[in-house]
């Protein structure tokens, strides 16, 4: 069961992956005292 309609499942999955990778980069930069912008783009 998904929240998105059938026609939007692939785009919703891609968006969710992009958001989760960006969040991971942000958190790793904050915890490691790194550059947030570079970490979010590089992930």
N, C-alpha and C. Protein backbone atom coordinates (compact mmCIF):
# COMPACT_ATOMS: atom_id res chain seq x y z
N UNK A 1 0.85 -1.18 0.00
CA UNK A 1 0.00 0.00 0.00
C UNK A 1 0.89 1.24 0.00
N UNK A 2 0.57 2.18 -0.87
CA UNK A 2 1.33 3.41 -0.96
C UNK A 2 0.41 4.62 -0.81
N UNK A 3 1.01 5.74 -0.53
CA UNK A 3 0.25 6.97 -0.39
C UNK A 3 -0.03 7.58 -1.76
N UNK A 4 0.91 7.42 -2.69
CA UNK A 4 0.77 8.00 -4.02
C UNK A 4 -0.11 7.12 -4.91
N UNK A 5 -0.83 7.76 -5.82
CA UNK A 5 -1.61 6.97 -6.79
C UNK A 5 -0.67 6.15 -7.68
N UNK A 6 -1.21 5.17 -8.35
CA UNK A 6 -0.41 4.26 -9.17
C UNK A 6 0.41 5.02 -10.21
N UNK A 7 -0.17 6.01 -10.84
CA UNK A 7 0.54 6.75 -11.89
C UNK A 7 1.72 7.56 -11.34
N UNK A 8 1.70 7.85 -10.07
CA UNK A 8 2.75 8.69 -9.47
C UNK A 8 3.72 7.92 -8.59
N UNK A 9 3.68 6.59 -8.61
CA UNK A 9 4.54 5.82 -7.72
C UNK A 9 6.03 5.98 -8.03
N UNK A 10 6.41 5.92 -9.31
CA UNK A 10 7.83 6.09 -9.66
C UNK A 10 8.32 7.49 -9.33
N UNK A 11 7.64 8.55 -9.75
CA UNK A 11 8.12 9.90 -9.37
C UNK A 11 8.16 10.11 -7.86
N UNK A 12 7.20 9.55 -7.14
CA UNK A 12 7.19 9.69 -5.68
C UNK A 12 8.37 8.95 -5.06
N UNK A 13 8.73 7.80 -5.61
CA UNK A 13 9.88 7.05 -5.11
C UNK A 13 11.16 7.82 -5.35
N UNK A 14 11.32 8.38 -6.54
CA UNK A 14 12.51 9.16 -6.86
C UNK A 14 12.61 10.38 -5.95
N UNK A 15 11.52 11.06 -5.73
CA UNK A 15 11.51 12.22 -4.83
C UNK A 15 11.87 11.81 -3.41
N UNK A 16 11.34 10.71 -2.93
CA UNK A 16 11.64 10.25 -1.58
C UNK A 16 13.12 9.90 -1.43
N UNK A 17 13.71 9.31 -2.45
CA UNK A 17 15.13 8.97 -2.40
C UNK A 17 15.98 10.24 -2.38
N UNK A 18 15.64 11.21 -3.21
CA UNK A 18 16.38 12.48 -3.24
C UNK A 18 16.30 13.17 -1.89
N UNK A 19 15.12 13.21 -1.30
CA UNK A 19 14.97 13.85 0.01
C UNK A 19 15.75 13.12 1.09
N UNK A 20 15.71 11.80 1.08
CA UNK A 20 16.41 11.05 2.12
C UNK A 20 17.93 11.18 1.98
N UNK A 21 18.44 11.20 0.76
CA UNK A 21 19.87 11.37 0.54
C UNK A 21 20.30 12.78 0.95
N UNK A 22 19.48 13.77 0.64
CA UNK A 22 19.80 15.14 1.05
C UNK A 22 19.80 15.27 2.57
N UNK A 23 18.84 14.67 3.22
CA UNK A 23 18.77 14.71 4.68
C UNK A 23 19.99 14.01 5.29
N UNK A 24 20.40 12.90 4.71
CA UNK A 24 21.57 12.19 5.20
C UNK A 24 22.82 13.06 5.05
N UNK A 25 22.97 13.73 3.92
CA UNK A 25 24.11 14.62 3.72
C UNK A 25 24.10 15.78 4.69
N UNK A 26 22.94 16.35 4.92
CA UNK A 26 22.80 17.46 5.85
C UNK A 26 23.20 17.05 7.27
N UNK A 27 22.66 15.93 7.72
CA UNK A 27 22.95 15.47 9.07
C UNK A 27 24.42 15.09 9.24
N UNK A 28 25.00 14.46 8.24
CA UNK A 28 26.41 14.09 8.35
C UNK A 28 27.31 15.32 8.38
N UNK A 29 26.96 16.36 7.63
CA UNK A 29 27.74 17.59 7.65
C UNK A 29 27.60 18.30 8.99
N UNK A 30 26.40 18.33 9.52
CA UNK A 30 26.18 18.99 10.82
C UNK A 30 26.93 18.25 11.93
N UNK A 31 26.83 16.93 11.94
CA UNK A 31 27.49 16.15 12.99
C UNK A 31 29.01 16.17 12.85
N UNK A 32 29.51 16.28 11.63
CA UNK A 32 30.95 16.27 11.39
C UNK A 32 31.54 17.65 11.22
N UNK A 33 30.76 18.69 11.48
CA UNK A 33 31.20 20.08 11.34
C UNK A 33 31.76 20.36 9.94
N UNK A 34 31.08 19.84 8.93
CA UNK A 34 31.50 20.04 7.55
C UNK A 34 30.64 21.08 6.86
N UNK A 35 30.87 21.21 5.56
CA UNK A 35 30.10 22.15 4.75
C UNK A 35 28.79 21.48 4.32
N UNK A 36 27.69 22.06 4.75
CA UNK A 36 26.38 21.46 4.51
C UNK A 36 26.05 21.42 3.03
N UNK A 37 26.28 22.52 2.32
CA UNK A 37 25.93 22.58 0.89
C UNK A 37 26.70 21.50 0.11
N UNK A 38 27.98 21.38 0.35
CA UNK A 38 28.77 20.38 -0.36
C UNK A 38 28.33 18.97 -0.02
N UNK A 39 28.01 18.72 1.22
CA UNK A 39 27.59 17.37 1.63
C UNK A 39 26.26 16.99 1.01
N UNK A 40 25.34 17.93 0.90
CA UNK A 40 24.02 17.63 0.34
C UNK A 40 24.12 17.37 -1.16
N UNK A 41 25.00 18.09 -1.84
CA UNK A 41 25.15 17.92 -3.29
C UNK A 41 25.95 16.66 -3.60
N UNK A 42 26.96 16.37 -2.81
CA UNK A 42 27.86 15.24 -3.08
C UNK A 42 27.20 13.89 -2.80
N UNK A 43 26.23 13.84 -1.92
CA UNK A 43 25.62 12.56 -1.58
C UNK A 43 24.85 12.11 -2.75
